[in-house]
C-alpha atoms as a PDB file:
ATOM      1  CA  MET A   1      63.122  47.462  57.849  1.00  0.00           C
ATOM      2  CA  PRO A   2      65.445  46.974  60.834  1.00  0.00           C
ATOM      3  CA  ILE A   3      66.835  50.061  62.506  1.00  0.00           C
ATOM      4  CA  GLN A   4      70.417  48.909  61.923  1.00  0.00           C
ATOM      5  CA  ILE A   5      69.916  48.961  58.150  1.00  0.00           C
ATOM      6  CA  LYS A   6      68.406  52.446  58.322  1.00  0.00           C
ATOM      7  CA  MET A   7      71.294  53.707  60.451  1.00  0.00           C
ATOM      8  CA  ALA A   8      73.764  52.183  57.983  1.00  0.00           C
ATOM      9  CA  ARG A   9      72.048  54.063  55.158  1.00  0.00           C
ATOM     10  CA  VAL A  10      72.230  57.329  57.086  1.00  0.00           C
ATOM     11  CA  GLN A  11      75.905  56.742  57.893  1.00  0.00           C
ATOM     12  CA  ASP A  12      76.647  55.950  54.238  1.00  0.00           C
ATOM     13  CA  ARG A  13      74.899  59.127  53.166  1.00  0.00           C
ATOM     14  CA  LEU A  14      76.727  61.178  55.789  1.00  0.00           C
ATOM     15  CA  GLU A  15      80.100  59.866  54.622  1.00  0.00           C
ATOM     16  CA  GLY A  16      79.492  61.184  51.121  1.00  0.00           C
ATOM     17  CA  ILE A  17      78.401  64.711  52.015  1.00  0.00           C
ATOM     18  CA  ARG A  18      80.050  67.714  50.442  1.00  0.00           C
ATOM     19  CA  ASP A  19      78.796  70.562  52.607  1.00  0.00           C
ATOM     20  CA  PRO A  20      77.161  71.148  56.016  1.00  0.00           C
ATOM     21  CA  ASP A  21      73.795  72.016  54.438  1.00  0.00           C
ATOM     22  CA  GLU A  22      73.518  68.539  53.002  1.00  0.00           C
ATOM     23  CA  ALA A  23      74.186  67.008  56.436  1.00  0.00           C
ATOM     24  CA  ILE A  24      71.456  69.174  57.926  1.00  0.00           C
ATOM     25  CA  ARG A  25      69.020  67.976  55.252  1.00  0.00           C
ATOM     26  CA  ILE A  26      69.862  64.325  55.946  1.00  0.00           C
ATOM     27  CA  LEU A  27      69.691  64.614  59.727  1.00  0.00           C
ATOM     28  CA  GLY A  28      66.636  66.862  59.557  1.00  0.00           C
ATOM     29  CA  ARG A  29      64.523  63.999  58.260  1.00  0.00           C
ATOM     30  CA  ALA A  30      65.221  61.940  61.358  1.00  0.00           C
ATOM     31  CA  TRP A  31      64.362  64.943  63.525  1.00  0.00           C
ATOM     32  CA  PHE A  32      61.051  65.475  61.713  1.00  0.00           C
ATOM     33  CA  ALA A  33      60.182  61.788  61.952  1.00  0.00           C
ATOM     34  CA  ARG A  34      60.920  61.683  65.673  1.00  0.00           C
ATOM     35  CA  TRP A  35      58.982  64.842  66.489  1.00  0.00           C
ATOM     36  CA  GLY A  36      56.120  63.875  64.201  1.00  0.00           C
ATOM     37  CA  LEU A  37      55.325  61.008  66.532  1.00  0.00           C
ATOM     38  CA  VAL A  38      54.344  63.300  69.433  1.00  0.00           C
ATOM     39  CA  PRO A  39      51.476  65.111  67.631  1.00  0.00           C
ATOM     40  CA  LEU A  40      50.360  61.782  66.195  1.00  0.00           C
ATOM     41  CA  LEU A  41      50.028  60.352  69.705  1.00  0.00           C
ATOM     42  CA  VAL A  42      48.125  63.427  70.912  1.00  0.00           C
ATOM     43  CA  ALA A  43      45.755  63.181  67.929  1.00  0.00           C
ATOM     44  CA  ALA A  44      45.191  59.473  68.569  1.00  0.00           C
ATOM     45  CA  ALA A  45      44.465  60.193  72.243  1.00  0.00           C
ATOM     46  CA  ALA A  46      41.989  62.949  71.344  1.00  0.00           C
ATOM     47  CA  PHE A  47      40.149  60.788  68.827  1.00  0.00           C
ATOM     48  CA  GLY A  48      40.156  57.900  71.309  1.00  0.00           C
ATOM     49  CA  TYR A  49      38.629  60.123  73.980  1.00  0.00           C
ATOM     50  CA  GLY A  50      35.989  61.297  71.504  1.00  0.00           C
ATOM     51  CA  THR A  51      35.116  57.694  70.758  1.00  0.00           C
ATOM     52  CA  TYR A  52      34.982  56.987  74.488  1.00  0.00           C
ATOM     53  CA  LEU A  53      32.510  59.867  74.963  1.00  0.00           C
ATOM     54  CA  LEU A  54      30.291  58.533  72.173  1.00  0.00           C
ATOM     55  CA  VAL A  55      30.268  54.993  73.539  1.00  0.00           C
ATOM     56  CA  GLN A  56      29.615  56.130  77.105  1.00  0.00           C
ATOM     57  CA  ALA A  57      26.749  58.387  76.049  1.00  0.00           C
ATOM     58  CA  TYR A  58      25.224  55.690  73.857  1.00  0.00           C
ATOM     59  CA  ALA A  59      25.486  53.074  76.645  1.00  0.00           C
ATOM     60  CA  GLY A  60      23.817  55.424  79.115  1.00  0.00           C
ATOM     61  CA  GLN A  61      26.827  55.671  81.416  1.00  0.00           C
ATOM     62  CA  ARG A  62      27.023  59.422  80.838  1.00  0.00           C
ATOM     63  CA  SER A  63      24.337  61.937  79.987  1.00  0.00           C
ATOM     64  CA  TRP A  64      23.991  63.146  76.416  1.00  0.00           C
ATOM     65  CA  TRP A  65      25.168  66.659  77.288  1.00  0.00           C
ATOM     66  CA  THR A  66      28.723  65.311  77.570  1.00  0.00           C
ATOM     67  CA  LEU A  67      28.673  65.115  73.773  1.00  0.00           C
ATOM     68  CA  LEU A  68      28.978  68.892  73.790  1.00  0.00           C
ATOM     69  CA  PHE A  69      32.694  68.253  74.423  1.00  0.00           C
ATOM     70  CA  LEU A  70      32.949  66.244  71.221  1.00  0.00           C
ATOM     71  CA  PRO A  71      33.523  69.171  68.780  1.00  0.00           C
ATOM     72  CA  ALA A  72      36.360  70.501  70.935  1.00  0.00           C
ATOM     73  CA  VAL A  73      37.956  67.059  71.184  1.00  0.00           C
ATOM     74  CA  LEU A  74      37.673  66.576  67.424  1.00  0.00           C
ATOM     75  CA  ALA A  75      39.176  70.017  66.779  1.00  0.00           C
ATOM     76  CA  VAL A  76      42.184  69.220  68.980  1.00  0.00           C
ATOM     77  CA  GLY A  77      42.580  65.830  67.312  1.00  0.00           C
ATOM     78  CA  GLY A  78      42.331  67.361  63.857  1.00  0.00           C
ATOM     79  CA  TYR A  79      44.864  70.086  64.643  1.00  0.00           C
ATOM     80  CA  PHE A  80      47.443  67.678  65.988  1.00  0.00           C
ATOM     81  CA  GLY A  81      46.698  65.230  63.168  1.00  0.00           C
ATOM     82  CA  LEU A  82      47.492  67.915  60.595  1.00  0.00           C
ATOM     83  CA  LEU A  83      50.618  68.856  62.522  1.00  0.00           C
ATOM     84  CA  ALA A  84      51.735  65.219  62.468  1.00  0.00           C
ATOM     85  CA  TYR A  85      51.007  65.099  58.735  1.00  0.00           C
ATOM     86  CA  GLY A  86      53.249  68.131  58.200  1.00  0.00           C
ATOM     87  CA  PHE A  87      56.106  66.502  60.088  1.00  0.00           C
ATOM     88  CA  ALA A  88      55.634  63.216  58.224  1.00  0.00           C
ATOM     89  CA  TYR A  89      55.538  65.048  54.872  1.00  0.00           C
ATOM     90  CA  ALA A  90      58.826  66.781  55.668  1.00  0.00           C
ATOM     91  CA  ALA A  91      60.417  63.545  56.876  1.00  0.00           C
ATOM     92  CA  VAL A  92      59.407  61.488  53.858  1.00  0.00           C
ATOM     93  CA  THR A  93      59.936  63.994  51.062  1.00  0.00           C
ATOM     94  CA  GLY A  94      62.714  66.090  52.592  1.00  0.00           C
ATOM     95  CA  ARG A  95      60.810  69.262  51.670  1.00  0.00           C
ATOM     96  CA  ARG A  96      58.867  71.637  53.840  1.00  0.00           C
ATOM     97  CA  PRO A  97      55.096  71.346  53.574  1.00  0.00           C
ATOM     98  CA  PRO A  98      53.590  73.772  51.073  1.00  0.00           C
ATOM     99  CA  ASN A  99      52.748  77.131  52.565  1.00  0.00           C
ATOM    100  CA  ALA A 100      49.223  78.187  53.313  1.00  0.00           C
ATOM    101  CA  ALA A 101      49.052  80.941  50.684  1.00  0.00           C
ATOM    102  CA  GLY A 102      45.895  79.493  49.143  1.00  0.00           C
ATOM    103  CA  THR A 103      44.179  79.299  52.507  1.00  0.00           C
ATOM    104  CA  ASN A 104      45.250  82.847  53.330  1.00  0.00           C
ATOM    105  CA  ARG A 105      43.831  84.121  50.032  1.00  0.00           C
ATOM    106  CA  PHE A 106      40.537  82.358  50.788  1.00  0.00           C
ATOM    107  CA  PHE A 107      40.221  84.003  54.204  1.00  0.00           C
ATOM    108  CA  GLU A 108      41.276  87.403  52.855  1.00  0.00           C
ATOM    109  CA  ARG A 109      38.545  87.187  50.227  1.00  0.00           C
ATOM    110  CA  LEU A 110      36.049  86.020  52.837  1.00  0.00           C
ATOM    111  CA  ASN A 111      36.932  88.888  55.156  1.00  0.00           C
ATOM    112  CA  SER A 112      36.855  91.479  52.380  1.00  0.00           C
ATOM    113  CA  ASN A 113      33.137  90.890  51.792  1.00  0.00           C
ATOM    114  CA  ILE A 114      32.182  91.418  55.424  1.00  0.00           C
END
């Protein structure tokens, strides 16, 4: 969809607003979409570097011990990938991502048995 059509939709929606909160909700989606691109690029770079390490080690260009960096690279890529997912979720649905209450309960239960 061309950008001009999207901007026309946003302008049409902004013309019909009744209160400032509604304008913030409409403009907030564009903000989330724009800032969601940065973590997505970082995640893609991390996963690309991990793939590069695998290929280089398999081809014999680097020693196999360089694969010890792979878990750290995958963790960084996963973190930024989830961050990008949260931004995309907020941009598409207009709602905040669900909170991590379930995850917190899991770790509280895990820690209580230690």
